Each structure stands twice: as structure tokens, then as C-alpha cells.
Amino acid sequence: MSKSELAHIRRSQRVTRMVSELHRMGFQRLRFMPYMYPIAYRIQIASISYFAVANGCHVKGEAWSTFAASR
């Protein structure tokens, strides 16, 4: 796999690899969710308890306010 020339692509790949490495180290209950923010994409990393059961890639409605407060 060749490196992308786009910095934002390289950063997003680095975050994905970081979460993958954490999973290998025993933190399988971590999840991450990219989302669009007015200026740029953001990524939230949290415990599985913050994510929906039916679709593990979306934050639960009540958990979103916790994420919004952390910005």
C-alpha cells in the first residue's frame, strides 16, 4: 500500500491503525466514529457503551450530548 499524498488521508489512516493496535492489545471494546463538523471531519473514540447496539458505528442519541460537551 502506497502512502497518500493527502495529509488528511494519512491522518485518518493513522487513527484507524491506532484503534486497530489498541484492539490487538486487549481494548476490543473501543470504537471510533468519524463525523463531519462545520470546519472538518472529527473522530470520536469511546467505549462500546456509548454506541448503538443495532449499528455499532453510530453514537446513541443520549451519548451524543456527552461527546458534544467534550469539544
C-alpha atoms as a PDB file:
ATOM      1  CA  MET A   1       0.000   0.000   0.000  1.00  0.00           C
ATOM      2  CA  SER A   2       1.484   3.324  -1.017  1.00  0.00           C
ATOM      3  CA  LYS A   3       1.276   6.458   1.111  1.00  0.00           C
ATOM      4  CA  SER A   4      -1.301   9.004   0.129  1.00  0.00           C
ATOM      5  CA  GLU A   5      -0.092  12.446  -0.798  1.00  0.00           C
ATOM      6  CA  LEU A   6      -3.053  13.968   1.064  1.00  0.00           C
ATOM      7  CA  ALA A   7      -2.317  14.793   4.694  1.00  0.00           C
ATOM      8  CA  HIS A   8      -5.895  14.295   5.898  1.00  0.00           C
ATOM      9  CA  ILE A   9      -5.969  10.790   4.399  1.00  0.00           C
ATOM     10  CA  ARG A  10      -2.685   9.876   6.107  1.00  0.00           C
ATOM     11  CA  ARG A  11      -4.010  11.179   9.454  1.00  0.00           C
ATOM     12  CA  SER A  12      -7.253   9.207   9.180  1.00  0.00           C
ATOM     13  CA  GLN A  13      -5.312   6.044   8.290  1.00  0.00           C
ATOM     14  CA  ARG A  14      -3.076   6.611  11.322  1.00  0.00           C
ATOM     15  CA  VAL A  15      -6.106   6.855  13.639  1.00  0.00           C
ATOM     16  CA  THR A  16      -7.601   3.683  12.162  1.00  0.00           C
ATOM     17  CA  ARG A  17      -4.303   1.843  12.675  1.00  0.00           C
ATOM     18  CA  MET A  18      -4.110   3.184  16.241  1.00  0.00           C
ATOM     19  CA  VAL A  19      -7.559   1.791  17.110  1.00  0.00           C
ATOM     20  CA  SER A  20      -6.626  -1.491  15.426  1.00  0.00           C
ATOM     21  CA  GLU A  21      -3.468  -1.708  17.545  1.00  0.00           C
ATOM     22  CA  LEU A  22      -5.452  -0.948  20.714  1.00  0.00           C
ATOM     23  CA  HIS A  23      -7.813  -3.805  19.790  1.00  0.00           C
ATOM     24  CA  ARG A  24      -4.818  -6.140  19.480  1.00  0.00           C
ATOM     25  CA  MET A  25      -3.632  -5.026  22.919  1.00  0.00           C
ATOM     26  CA  GLY A  26      -6.927  -6.049  24.521  1.00  0.00           C
ATOM     27  CA  PHE A  27      -9.100  -2.958  24.164  1.00  0.00           C
ATOM     28  CA  GLN A  28     -11.698  -4.564  21.874  1.00  0.00           C
ATOM     29  CA  ARG A  29     -14.483  -2.534  23.451  1.00  0.00           C
ATOM     30  CA  LEU A  30     -13.207   0.751  21.975  1.00  0.00           C
ATOM     31  CA  ARG A  31     -14.999   2.189  18.949  1.00  0.00           C
ATOM     32  CA  PHE A  32     -14.455   5.243  16.813  1.00  0.00           C
ATOM     33  CA  MET A  33     -16.874   7.291  14.781  1.00  0.00           C
ATOM     34  CA  PRO A  34     -15.872   9.830  12.134  1.00  0.00           C
ATOM     35  CA  TYR A  35     -18.350  12.638  11.523  1.00  0.00           C
ATOM     36  CA  MET A  36     -18.499  15.916   9.657  1.00  0.00           C
ATOM     37  CA  TYR A  37     -18.051  19.094  11.685  1.00  0.00           C
ATOM     38  CA  PRO A  38     -18.557  22.521  10.056  1.00  0.00           C
ATOM     39  CA  ILE A  39     -14.820  23.047   9.516  1.00  0.00           C
ATOM     40  CA  ALA A  40     -13.550  19.494   9.014  1.00  0.00           C
ATOM     41  CA  TYR A  41     -14.092  15.845   9.861  1.00  0.00           C
ATOM     42  CA  ARG A  42     -13.848  14.836  13.509  1.00  0.00           C
ATOM     43  CA  ILE A  43     -13.326  11.440  15.110  1.00  0.00           C
ATOM     44  CA  GLN A  44     -14.727  10.395  18.463  1.00  0.00           C
ATOM     45  CA  ILE A  45     -13.187   7.437  20.275  1.00  0.00           C
ATOM     46  CA  ALA A  46     -15.150   5.924  23.152  1.00  0.00           C
ATOM     47  CA  SER A  47     -16.218   2.753  24.908  1.00  0.00           C
ATOM     48  CA  ILE A  48     -18.700   0.468  23.184  1.00  0.00           C
ATOM     49  CA  SER A  49     -21.303   1.515  25.781  1.00  0.00           C
ATOM     50  CA  TYR A  50     -21.635   4.896  24.006  1.00  0.00           C
ATOM     51  CA  PHE A  51     -22.509   3.281  20.669  1.00  0.00           C
ATOM     52  CA  ALA A  52     -25.818   1.909  19.409  1.00  0.00           C
ATOM     53  CA  VAL A  53     -26.416  -1.833  19.733  1.00  0.00           C
ATOM     54  CA  ALA A  54     -28.179  -2.199  16.360  1.00  0.00           C
ATOM     55  CA  ASN A  55     -25.456  -0.346  14.476  1.00  0.00           C
ATOM     56  CA  GLY A  56     -22.156  -0.154  16.323  1.00  0.00           C
ATOM     57  CA  CYS A  57     -20.818   2.703  14.230  1.00  0.00           C
ATOM     58  CA  HIS A  58     -23.321   5.298  15.490  1.00  0.00           C
ATOM     59  CA  VAL A  59     -23.341   7.003  18.871  1.00  0.00           C
ATOM     60  CA  LYS A  60     -26.516   6.564  20.918  1.00  0.00           C
ATOM     61  CA  GLY A  61     -28.716   9.661  20.977  1.00  0.00           C
ATOM     62  CA  GLU A  62     -28.233  10.362  24.683  1.00  0.00           C
ATOM     63  CA  ALA A  63     -24.461   9.814  24.401  1.00  0.00           C
ATOM     64  CA  TRP A  64     -24.091  12.475  21.710  1.00  0.00           C
ATOM     65  CA  SER A  65     -24.585  15.239  24.291  1.00  0.00           C
ATOM     66  CA  THR A  66     -21.599  13.821  26.211  1.00  0.00           C
ATOM     67  CA  PHE A  67     -19.493  13.980  23.048  1.00  0.00           C
ATOM     68  CA  ALA A  68     -20.671  17.494  22.242  1.00  0.00           C
ATOM     69  CA  ALA A  69     -19.738  18.666  25.732  1.00  0.00           C
ATOM     70  CA  SER A  70     -16.208  17.255  25.374  1.00  0.00           C
ATOM     71  CA  ARG A  71     -15.311  19.561  22.464  1.00  0.00           C
END
